[in-house]
N, C-alpha and C. Protein backbone atom coordinates (compact mmCIF):
# COMPACT_ATOMS: atom_id res chain seq x y z
N MET A 1 116.40 104.19 115.98
CA MET A 1 115.46 103.93 114.90
C MET A 1 114.96 105.26 114.34
N GLY A 2 114.93 105.38 113.03
CA GLY A 2 114.46 106.59 112.39
C GLY A 2 113.00 106.53 112.03
N TYR A 3 112.44 107.69 111.73
CA TYR A 3 111.05 107.81 111.31
C TYR A 3 110.95 108.82 110.18
N PHE A 4 109.97 108.59 109.32
CA PHE A 4 109.68 109.48 108.19
C PHE A 4 108.42 110.25 108.57
N ILE A 5 108.56 111.55 108.79
CA ILE A 5 107.47 112.42 109.22
C ILE A 5 107.15 113.40 108.09
N ALA A 6 105.93 113.33 107.56
CA ALA A 6 105.48 114.29 106.56
C ALA A 6 104.79 115.44 107.28
N VAL A 7 105.14 116.66 106.92
CA VAL A 7 104.54 117.85 107.53
C VAL A 7 103.74 118.56 106.44
N GLU A 8 102.44 118.62 106.65
CA GLU A 8 101.50 119.17 105.66
C GLU A 8 100.85 120.44 106.20
N GLY A 9 100.25 121.22 105.32
CA GLY A 9 99.53 122.42 105.72
C GLY A 9 99.43 123.40 104.58
N LEU A 10 98.62 124.41 104.77
CA LEU A 10 98.44 125.45 103.76
C LEU A 10 99.71 126.27 103.58
N ASP A 11 99.79 126.97 102.45
CA ASP A 11 100.89 127.87 102.17
C ASP A 11 100.95 128.96 103.23
N GLY A 12 102.16 129.29 103.66
CA GLY A 12 102.36 130.43 104.54
C GLY A 12 102.27 130.15 106.02
N ILE A 13 102.12 128.88 106.42
CA ILE A 13 102.00 128.64 107.86
C ILE A 13 103.34 128.40 108.54
N GLY A 14 104.41 128.29 107.76
CA GLY A 14 105.73 128.12 108.34
C GLY A 14 106.25 126.69 108.30
N LYS A 15 105.71 125.87 107.40
CA LYS A 15 106.13 124.46 107.31
C LYS A 15 107.63 124.32 107.08
N SER A 16 108.14 125.05 106.11
CA SER A 16 109.56 124.91 105.74
C SER A 16 110.47 125.22 106.92
N THR A 17 110.18 126.30 107.61
CA THR A 17 110.99 126.69 108.76
C THR A 17 110.88 125.66 109.87
N LEU A 18 109.67 125.19 110.14
CA LEU A 18 109.47 124.19 111.20
C LEU A 18 110.13 122.86 110.85
N VAL A 19 110.07 122.47 109.58
CA VAL A 19 110.72 121.23 109.16
C VAL A 19 112.22 121.33 109.42
N GLU A 20 112.83 122.46 109.08
CA GLU A 20 114.26 122.66 109.34
C GLU A 20 114.56 122.58 110.83
N GLN A 21 113.73 123.23 111.63
CA GLN A 21 113.94 123.23 113.09
C GLN A 21 113.78 121.83 113.67
N LEU A 22 112.75 121.11 113.23
CA LEU A 22 112.53 119.75 113.73
C LEU A 22 113.68 118.82 113.35
N ALA A 23 114.17 118.97 112.14
CA ALA A 23 115.31 118.15 111.71
C ALA A 23 116.50 118.39 112.63
N ARG A 24 116.72 119.63 113.04
CA ARG A 24 117.81 119.93 113.96
C ARG A 24 117.56 119.29 115.33
N GLU A 25 116.33 119.45 115.83
CA GLU A 25 115.99 118.91 117.15
C GLU A 25 116.15 117.40 117.22
N PHE A 26 115.84 116.71 116.14
CA PHE A 26 115.90 115.25 116.10
C PHE A 26 117.21 114.74 115.49
N SER A 27 118.15 115.65 115.24
CA SER A 27 119.41 115.30 114.55
C SER A 27 119.12 114.53 113.27
N GLY A 28 118.12 115.02 112.56
CA GLY A 28 117.66 114.34 111.35
C GLY A 28 117.93 115.14 110.09
N LEU A 29 117.08 114.88 109.12
CA LEU A 29 117.25 115.46 107.79
C LEU A 29 115.96 116.17 107.38
N ALA A 30 116.08 117.37 106.84
CA ALA A 30 114.94 118.11 106.29
C ALA A 30 114.92 117.88 104.78
N MET A 31 113.75 117.49 104.27
CA MET A 31 113.56 117.29 102.83
C MET A 31 112.28 117.99 102.41
N SER A 32 112.06 118.06 101.10
CA SER A 32 110.82 118.67 100.61
C SER A 32 110.44 118.07 99.27
N THR A 33 109.18 118.27 98.91
CA THR A 33 108.72 117.94 97.56
C THR A 33 108.29 119.25 96.90
N PRO A 34 108.77 119.52 95.69
CA PRO A 34 109.77 118.74 94.98
C PRO A 34 111.12 118.84 95.67
N GLY A 35 112.01 117.93 95.33
CA GLY A 35 113.34 117.92 95.93
C GLY A 35 114.16 119.13 95.56
N GLU A 36 115.23 119.30 96.29
CA GLU A 36 116.10 120.47 96.11
C GLU A 36 116.59 120.63 94.68
N ALA A 37 116.89 119.51 94.01
CA ALA A 37 117.40 119.57 92.64
C ALA A 37 116.38 120.16 91.66
N LEU A 38 115.10 120.10 92.02
CA LEU A 38 114.04 120.60 91.13
C LEU A 38 113.53 121.98 91.51
N HIS A 39 114.01 122.54 92.60
CA HIS A 39 113.50 123.84 93.05
C HIS A 39 113.63 124.92 91.98
N ASP A 40 114.79 125.01 91.35
CA ASP A 40 115.00 126.06 90.36
C ASP A 40 114.17 125.85 89.09
N SER A 41 113.93 124.60 88.72
CA SER A 41 113.18 124.32 87.49
C SER A 41 111.67 124.23 87.72
N ARG A 42 111.26 124.20 88.97
CA ARG A 42 109.83 124.06 89.28
C ARG A 42 108.99 125.16 88.63
N ARG A 43 109.42 126.38 88.74
CA ARG A 43 108.67 127.52 88.19
C ARG A 43 108.51 127.37 86.68
N VAL A 44 109.57 126.97 85.98
CA VAL A 44 109.51 126.77 84.53
C VAL A 44 108.52 125.66 84.19
N ILE A 45 108.59 124.56 84.94
CA ILE A 45 107.68 123.43 84.71
C ILE A 45 106.24 123.86 84.94
N MET A 46 105.99 124.57 86.03
CA MET A 46 104.62 125.01 86.34
C MET A 46 104.11 125.98 85.28
N ASN A 47 104.97 126.84 84.78
CA ASN A 47 104.56 127.76 83.70
C ASN A 47 104.22 126.98 82.43
N ASP A 48 105.03 125.98 82.11
CA ASP A 48 104.79 125.18 80.92
C ASP A 48 103.48 124.39 81.04
N PHE A 49 103.16 123.96 82.26
CA PHE A 49 101.93 123.19 82.52
C PHE A 49 100.77 124.09 82.96
N SER A 50 100.86 125.37 82.71
CA SER A 50 99.90 126.33 83.27
C SER A 50 98.44 126.02 82.96
N ASP A 51 98.17 125.41 81.82
CA ASP A 51 96.78 125.10 81.45
C ASP A 51 96.42 123.64 81.67
N ASP A 52 97.24 122.90 82.39
CA ASP A 52 97.01 121.47 82.57
C ASP A 52 97.24 121.07 84.03
N GLU A 53 96.17 121.10 84.81
CA GLU A 53 96.25 120.79 86.24
C GLU A 53 96.68 119.34 86.48
N LEU A 54 96.26 118.43 85.60
CA LEU A 54 96.68 117.03 85.76
C LEU A 54 98.20 116.91 85.57
N ALA A 55 98.76 117.59 84.60
CA ALA A 55 100.21 117.55 84.39
C ALA A 55 100.94 118.07 85.62
N LYS A 56 100.43 119.15 86.22
CA LYS A 56 101.04 119.68 87.44
C LYS A 56 101.00 118.63 88.56
N ALA A 57 99.84 118.00 88.73
CA ALA A 57 99.69 117.00 89.78
C ALA A 57 100.63 115.82 89.55
N LEU A 58 100.79 115.42 88.31
CA LEU A 58 101.68 114.29 88.00
C LEU A 58 103.14 114.66 88.24
N PHE A 59 103.51 115.90 87.97
CA PHE A 59 104.86 116.36 88.30
C PHE A 59 105.11 116.22 89.80
N TYR A 60 104.15 116.69 90.61
CA TYR A 60 104.31 116.58 92.06
C TYR A 60 104.28 115.12 92.51
N ALA A 61 103.46 114.29 91.85
CA ALA A 61 103.42 112.86 92.18
C ALA A 61 104.78 112.22 91.93
N ALA A 62 105.41 112.57 90.82
CA ALA A 62 106.74 112.04 90.51
C ALA A 62 107.75 112.48 91.56
N SER A 63 107.64 113.72 92.00
CA SER A 63 108.54 114.23 93.03
C SER A 63 108.33 113.49 94.34
N VAL A 64 107.07 113.24 94.69
CA VAL A 64 106.76 112.49 95.92
C VAL A 64 107.36 111.09 95.85
N SER A 65 107.21 110.43 94.71
CA SER A 65 107.77 109.09 94.56
C SER A 65 109.28 109.10 94.78
N SER A 66 109.96 110.01 94.14
CA SER A 66 111.41 110.09 94.24
C SER A 66 111.86 110.45 95.66
N GLN A 67 111.28 111.48 96.22
CA GLN A 67 111.69 111.93 97.55
C GLN A 67 111.32 110.91 98.62
N GLY A 68 110.19 110.23 98.45
CA GLY A 68 109.77 109.22 99.41
C GLY A 68 110.76 108.07 99.48
N ARG A 69 111.25 107.63 98.33
CA ARG A 69 112.24 106.54 98.31
C ARG A 69 113.56 106.98 98.95
N LYS A 70 113.95 108.21 98.69
CA LYS A 70 115.17 108.73 99.32
C LYS A 70 114.98 108.81 100.84
N ALA A 71 113.81 109.29 101.26
CA ALA A 71 113.53 109.41 102.69
C ALA A 71 113.56 108.04 103.37
N ARG A 72 112.93 107.05 102.76
CA ARG A 72 112.88 105.72 103.37
C ARG A 72 114.28 105.13 103.53
N LYS A 73 115.15 105.35 102.55
CA LYS A 73 116.53 104.86 102.67
C LYS A 73 117.23 105.50 103.87
N LYS A 74 117.00 106.79 104.06
CA LYS A 74 117.60 107.49 105.20
C LYS A 74 117.05 106.94 106.51
N VAL A 75 115.75 106.68 106.56
CA VAL A 75 115.13 106.14 107.76
C VAL A 75 115.69 104.75 108.06
N GLU A 76 115.86 103.95 107.04
CA GLU A 76 116.40 102.59 107.24
C GLU A 76 117.83 102.63 107.78
N SER A 77 118.52 103.74 107.55
CA SER A 77 119.87 103.87 108.10
C SER A 77 119.84 104.51 109.49
N GLY A 78 118.63 104.73 110.04
CA GLY A 78 118.49 105.23 111.40
C GLY A 78 118.20 106.71 111.53
N LYS A 79 118.05 107.42 110.42
CA LYS A 79 117.80 108.87 110.45
C LYS A 79 116.31 109.18 110.60
N TRP A 80 116.03 110.29 111.25
CA TRP A 80 114.69 110.88 111.23
C TRP A 80 114.65 111.77 109.99
N VAL A 81 113.56 111.70 109.24
CA VAL A 81 113.38 112.54 108.06
C VAL A 81 112.09 113.33 108.22
N PHE A 82 112.19 114.65 108.03
CA PHE A 82 111.03 115.54 108.07
C PHE A 82 110.84 116.10 106.68
N MET A 83 109.68 115.79 106.08
CA MET A 83 109.39 116.17 104.70
C MET A 83 108.41 117.34 104.67
N ASP A 84 108.84 118.43 104.05
CA ASP A 84 107.98 119.60 103.86
C ASP A 84 107.07 119.31 102.67
N ARG A 85 105.85 118.93 102.98
CA ARG A 85 104.83 118.52 102.02
C ARG A 85 105.14 117.15 101.45
N TYR A 86 104.03 116.40 101.24
CA TYR A 86 104.20 115.07 100.66
C TYR A 86 102.93 114.75 99.87
N TRP A 87 102.54 113.50 99.87
CA TRP A 87 101.44 113.04 99.02
C TRP A 87 100.11 113.72 99.34
N ALA A 88 99.81 113.94 100.61
CA ALA A 88 98.52 114.56 100.98
C ALA A 88 98.36 115.92 100.31
N SER A 89 99.41 116.71 100.26
CA SER A 89 99.33 118.02 99.59
C SER A 89 99.10 117.86 98.09
N THR A 90 99.78 116.90 97.48
CA THR A 90 99.61 116.67 96.05
C THR A 90 98.15 116.36 95.73
N ILE A 91 97.56 115.45 96.49
CA ILE A 91 96.15 115.07 96.30
C ILE A 91 95.22 116.25 96.59
N ALA A 92 95.44 116.91 97.72
CA ALA A 92 94.53 117.97 98.17
C ALA A 92 94.49 119.14 97.18
N TYR A 93 95.66 119.60 96.75
CA TYR A 93 95.69 120.73 95.82
C TYR A 93 95.16 120.34 94.45
N ALA A 94 95.45 119.12 94.01
CA ALA A 94 94.94 118.67 92.70
C ALA A 94 93.41 118.62 92.72
N LYS A 95 92.84 118.05 93.77
CA LYS A 95 91.37 117.97 93.86
C LYS A 95 90.75 119.36 93.93
N ALA A 96 91.36 120.25 94.71
CA ALA A 96 90.84 121.62 94.82
C ALA A 96 90.90 122.35 93.49
N ARG A 97 91.85 121.97 92.64
CA ARG A 97 92.00 122.60 91.32
C ARG A 97 91.21 121.87 90.24
N GLY A 98 90.40 120.89 90.64
CA GLY A 98 89.48 120.25 89.70
C GLY A 98 90.00 119.01 88.99
N VAL A 99 91.14 118.47 89.42
CA VAL A 99 91.65 117.24 88.80
C VAL A 99 90.74 116.09 89.21
N THR A 100 90.23 115.37 88.22
CA THR A 100 89.30 114.26 88.50
C THR A 100 89.95 112.89 88.32
N ALA A 101 91.19 112.84 87.89
CA ALA A 101 91.89 111.56 87.73
C ALA A 101 91.99 110.86 89.09
N GLU A 102 92.01 109.56 89.08
CA GLU A 102 92.08 108.76 90.30
C GLU A 102 93.50 108.72 90.86
N LEU A 103 93.99 109.86 91.32
CA LEU A 103 95.34 109.95 91.86
C LEU A 103 95.49 109.10 93.13
N ASP A 104 94.40 108.91 93.86
CA ASP A 104 94.47 108.12 95.09
C ASP A 104 95.03 106.73 94.82
N GLN A 105 94.80 106.21 93.63
CA GLN A 105 95.30 104.87 93.28
C GLN A 105 96.82 104.80 93.30
N LEU A 106 97.47 105.92 93.01
CA LEU A 106 98.93 105.95 93.01
C LEU A 106 99.52 105.73 94.41
N SER A 107 98.75 106.08 95.43
CA SER A 107 99.29 105.99 96.79
C SER A 107 99.72 104.58 97.14
N LYS A 108 99.13 103.58 96.52
CA LYS A 108 99.51 102.19 96.80
C LYS A 108 100.94 101.90 96.36
N SER A 109 101.45 102.67 95.43
CA SER A 109 102.81 102.46 94.91
C SER A 109 103.84 103.41 95.53
N LEU A 110 103.39 104.31 96.38
CA LEU A 110 104.28 105.30 96.98
C LEU A 110 104.73 104.88 98.37
N ILE A 111 105.90 105.35 98.76
CA ILE A 111 106.39 105.15 100.13
C ILE A 111 105.48 105.97 101.05
N GLN A 112 104.99 105.33 102.10
CA GLN A 112 104.12 106.01 103.04
C GLN A 112 104.94 106.55 104.22
N PRO A 113 104.64 107.77 104.67
CA PRO A 113 105.34 108.27 105.85
C PRO A 113 104.90 107.49 107.09
N ASP A 114 105.74 107.47 108.09
CA ASP A 114 105.38 106.83 109.35
C ASP A 114 104.37 107.67 110.11
N LEU A 115 104.39 108.96 109.87
CA LEU A 115 103.47 109.88 110.53
C LEU A 115 103.25 111.07 109.62
N SER A 116 102.00 111.45 109.45
CA SER A 116 101.65 112.63 108.66
C SER A 116 101.03 113.66 109.59
N VAL A 117 101.71 114.80 109.73
CA VAL A 117 101.30 115.86 110.65
C VAL A 117 100.72 117.02 109.85
N LEU A 118 99.49 117.39 110.16
CA LEU A 118 98.85 118.55 109.53
C LEU A 118 98.94 119.73 110.49
N LEU A 119 99.58 120.80 110.03
CA LEU A 119 99.69 122.02 110.82
C LEU A 119 98.55 122.97 110.44
N ILE A 120 97.92 123.51 111.44
CA ILE A 120 96.81 124.47 111.26
C ILE A 120 97.23 125.79 111.88
N LEU A 121 96.87 126.87 111.21
CA LEU A 121 97.20 128.21 111.71
C LEU A 121 95.98 129.11 111.50
N ASN A 122 95.74 129.97 112.48
CA ASN A 122 94.66 130.95 112.37
C ASN A 122 94.77 131.67 111.03
N GLU A 123 93.64 131.78 110.31
CA GLU A 123 93.67 132.29 108.93
C GLU A 123 94.19 133.73 108.83
N SER A 124 93.83 134.59 109.77
CA SER A 124 94.33 135.97 109.68
C SER A 124 95.85 136.00 109.89
N GLU A 125 96.36 135.16 110.77
CA GLU A 125 97.80 135.08 110.99
C GLU A 125 98.49 134.50 109.74
N ARG A 126 97.88 133.47 109.14
CA ARG A 126 98.44 132.87 107.93
C ARG A 126 98.54 133.91 106.80
N GLN A 127 97.45 134.67 106.61
CA GLN A 127 97.46 135.67 105.54
C GLN A 127 98.47 136.79 105.82
N ARG A 128 98.63 137.14 107.08
CA ARG A 128 99.64 138.15 107.43
C ARG A 128 101.03 137.64 107.06
N ARG A 129 101.30 136.36 107.35
CA ARG A 129 102.60 135.77 107.00
C ARG A 129 102.79 135.68 105.49
N LEU A 130 101.72 135.32 104.78
CA LEU A 130 101.80 135.24 103.32
C LEU A 130 102.19 136.59 102.74
N HIS A 131 101.52 137.64 103.18
CA HIS A 131 101.79 138.98 102.65
C HIS A 131 103.19 139.46 103.04
N ALA A 132 103.64 139.10 104.25
CA ALA A 132 104.96 139.53 104.71
C ALA A 132 106.08 138.87 103.89
N ARG A 133 105.88 137.62 103.49
CA ARG A 133 106.93 136.93 102.72
C ARG A 133 106.82 137.21 101.23
N GLY A 134 105.68 137.74 100.80
CA GLY A 134 105.43 137.98 99.38
C GLY A 134 104.56 136.87 98.82
N THR A 135 103.32 137.19 98.56
CA THR A 135 102.36 136.21 98.08
C THR A 135 102.69 135.78 96.66
N THR A 136 102.75 134.47 96.44
CA THR A 136 103.04 133.93 95.11
C THR A 136 101.73 133.60 94.40
N VAL A 137 101.82 133.28 93.12
CA VAL A 137 100.64 132.90 92.34
C VAL A 137 99.95 131.70 92.98
N GLU A 138 100.75 130.72 93.43
CA GLU A 138 100.18 129.53 94.06
C GLU A 138 99.45 129.88 95.35
N ASP A 139 99.99 130.85 96.11
CA ASP A 139 99.37 131.26 97.38
C ASP A 139 97.99 131.86 97.18
N ILE A 140 97.79 132.54 96.07
CA ILE A 140 96.53 133.27 95.83
C ILE A 140 95.34 132.34 95.87
N ASP A 141 95.49 131.11 95.34
CA ASP A 141 94.38 130.15 95.39
C ASP A 141 93.88 129.94 96.81
N THR A 142 94.80 129.87 97.78
CA THR A 142 94.40 129.57 99.16
C THR A 142 93.73 130.75 99.86
N LEU A 143 93.71 131.91 99.20
CA LEU A 143 92.99 133.04 99.77
C LEU A 143 91.49 132.91 99.53
N ASP A 144 91.11 132.07 98.57
CA ASP A 144 89.69 131.80 98.30
C ASP A 144 89.17 130.82 99.36
N PRO A 145 88.13 131.21 100.12
CA PRO A 145 87.64 130.34 101.20
C PRO A 145 87.22 128.94 100.74
N GLY A 146 86.57 128.83 99.59
CA GLY A 146 86.14 127.52 99.09
C GLY A 146 87.31 126.62 98.75
N PHE A 147 88.29 127.17 98.07
CA PHE A 147 89.50 126.43 97.71
C PHE A 147 90.22 125.98 98.98
N ARG A 148 90.41 126.92 99.89
CA ARG A 148 91.11 126.64 101.14
C ARG A 148 90.42 125.52 101.92
N GLN A 149 89.10 125.57 102.01
CA GLN A 149 88.35 124.56 102.74
C GLN A 149 88.50 123.19 102.10
N CYS A 150 88.45 123.14 100.78
CA CYS A 150 88.62 121.89 100.04
C CYS A 150 89.98 121.27 100.34
N VAL A 151 91.03 122.09 100.31
CA VAL A 151 92.38 121.61 100.59
C VAL A 151 92.47 121.09 102.02
N LEU A 152 91.99 121.88 102.97
CA LEU A 152 92.08 121.48 104.38
C LEU A 152 91.32 120.19 104.67
N GLU A 153 90.13 120.04 104.10
CA GLU A 153 89.36 118.82 104.33
C GLU A 153 90.11 117.60 103.80
N GLU A 154 90.71 117.72 102.64
CA GLU A 154 91.46 116.59 102.08
C GLU A 154 92.72 116.31 102.90
N LEU A 155 93.42 117.35 103.32
CA LEU A 155 94.62 117.15 104.14
C LEU A 155 94.27 116.43 105.45
N GLN A 156 93.12 116.78 106.02
CA GLN A 156 92.72 116.14 107.28
C GLN A 156 92.45 114.64 107.11
N THR A 157 91.99 114.23 105.93
CA THR A 157 91.71 112.80 105.73
C THR A 157 93.00 111.98 105.70
N HIS A 158 94.13 112.62 105.45
CA HIS A 158 95.41 111.92 105.35
C HIS A 158 96.28 112.08 106.60
N ALA A 159 95.86 112.91 107.54
CA ALA A 159 96.69 113.23 108.70
C ALA A 159 96.51 112.22 109.83
N ASN A 160 97.63 111.83 110.44
CA ASN A 160 97.60 111.03 111.67
C ASN A 160 97.52 111.94 112.89
N LEU A 161 97.92 113.19 112.68
CA LEU A 161 98.03 114.12 113.79
C LEU A 161 97.75 115.53 113.25
N VAL A 162 96.86 116.25 113.90
CA VAL A 162 96.54 117.64 113.53
C VAL A 162 96.99 118.53 114.69
N VAL A 163 97.83 119.53 114.39
CA VAL A 163 98.39 120.39 115.42
C VAL A 163 98.15 121.84 115.06
N ASN A 164 97.49 122.56 115.96
CA ASN A 164 97.22 123.99 115.77
C ASN A 164 98.40 124.77 116.34
N ILE A 165 99.09 125.52 115.49
CA ILE A 165 100.26 126.29 115.93
C ILE A 165 99.95 127.79 116.05
N SER A 166 98.69 128.14 116.03
CA SER A 166 98.29 129.55 116.16
C SER A 166 98.80 130.12 117.48
N GLY A 167 99.40 131.31 117.39
CA GLY A 167 99.86 132.00 118.59
C GLY A 167 101.22 131.55 119.10
N TYR A 168 101.81 130.54 118.48
CA TYR A 168 103.12 130.06 118.90
C TYR A 168 104.22 130.75 118.08
N ASP A 169 105.29 131.17 118.74
CA ASP A 169 106.44 131.62 117.98
C ASP A 169 107.21 130.38 117.52
N LEU A 170 108.28 130.58 116.76
CA LEU A 170 109.01 129.46 116.17
C LEU A 170 109.55 128.50 117.23
N LEU A 171 110.15 129.03 118.27
CA LEU A 171 110.72 128.17 119.31
C LEU A 171 109.64 127.36 120.01
N ALA A 172 108.55 128.04 120.40
CA ALA A 172 107.48 127.35 121.10
C ALA A 172 106.80 126.31 120.21
N ALA A 173 106.60 126.65 118.94
CA ALA A 173 105.98 125.70 118.01
C ALA A 173 106.87 124.48 117.82
N THR A 174 108.18 124.70 117.70
CA THR A 174 109.12 123.59 117.53
C THR A 174 109.10 122.68 118.75
N GLN A 175 109.14 123.27 119.94
CA GLN A 175 109.13 122.49 121.17
C GLN A 175 107.84 121.69 121.32
N MET A 176 106.72 122.33 121.03
CA MET A 176 105.44 121.66 121.14
C MET A 176 105.34 120.51 120.14
N LEU A 177 105.77 120.76 118.89
CA LEU A 177 105.74 119.70 117.87
C LEU A 177 106.66 118.55 118.23
N GLU A 178 107.83 118.86 118.76
CA GLU A 178 108.75 117.79 119.16
C GLU A 178 108.07 116.88 120.18
N LYS A 179 107.40 117.46 121.17
CA LYS A 179 106.72 116.67 122.21
C LYS A 179 105.61 115.81 121.63
N VAL A 180 104.76 116.41 120.80
CA VAL A 180 103.62 115.64 120.29
C VAL A 180 104.06 114.56 119.31
N ILE A 181 105.11 114.82 118.54
CA ILE A 181 105.62 113.80 117.61
C ILE A 181 106.23 112.64 118.39
N ARG A 182 107.05 112.95 119.39
CA ARG A 182 107.65 111.89 120.20
C ARG A 182 106.57 111.05 120.90
N LYS A 183 105.57 111.72 121.42
CA LYS A 183 104.48 111.02 122.10
C LYS A 183 103.72 110.11 121.12
N LYS A 184 103.41 110.63 119.94
CA LYS A 184 102.67 109.85 118.94
C LYS A 184 103.50 108.65 118.48
N VAL A 185 104.79 108.86 118.22
CA VAL A 185 105.65 107.77 117.77
C VAL A 185 105.76 106.70 118.86
N LYS A 186 105.93 107.15 120.10
CA LYS A 186 106.03 106.21 121.22
C LYS A 186 104.75 105.39 121.38
N SER A 187 103.59 106.03 121.22
CA SER A 187 102.32 105.33 121.38
C SER A 187 102.03 104.36 120.24
N THR A 188 102.66 104.54 119.08
CA THR A 188 102.40 103.64 117.96
C THR A 188 103.41 102.53 117.85
N LYS A 189 104.50 102.58 118.63
CA LYS A 189 105.54 101.55 118.55
C LYS A 189 104.99 100.16 118.81
N SER A 190 104.11 100.03 119.82
CA SER A 190 103.61 98.71 120.17
C SER A 190 102.59 98.20 119.16
N PHE A 191 102.07 99.06 118.32
CA PHE A 191 101.06 98.66 117.33
C PHE A 191 101.60 98.68 115.90
N GLY A 192 102.87 98.94 115.74
CA GLY A 192 103.42 99.11 114.39
C GLY A 192 103.47 100.58 114.06
N ARG A 193 104.01 100.88 112.95
CA ARG A 193 104.17 102.29 112.56
C ARG A 193 102.83 102.92 112.22
N ALA A 194 102.77 104.27 112.29
CA ALA A 194 101.52 105.03 112.07
C ALA A 194 100.97 104.82 110.70
């Protein structure tokens, strides 16, 4: 039986790398929002929508809808799917950027993950990683403590599981996440999906 696991967290904590590693560990599939087909055009779209935060949020909402349906099909065929960012990030970043539209209403029409995991990382370590990889325009927002706190609070409201990966290297973080995900999935089997 497959599961759809959304992996959420601030920029620079290593979500993409961990999603790839987890997909390998579970013999599953790594996906992201926006999907791979939109990666190259994302920057152009974001530049075009530079003065319209609602348009940006709706672009990500459309990506979540599309990727969620693809993920659910894979899960129904028995695959584990690990999604690098999903609906919680779309909502959290939109709210932090001042979008007042009732985006929460869209969630009723979206595919829900079986488990939403929020990764937390010590802020000084996160900033060190951001600077090492090259800070992007999007990353700069999360350097503001107020913005960062707003995003984290919203992400926590959508998380089934919060995991602090501070001080873990990639291998240790992957192993720890594999254990906690398996344990959480096993504990929810008798009660239905997360």
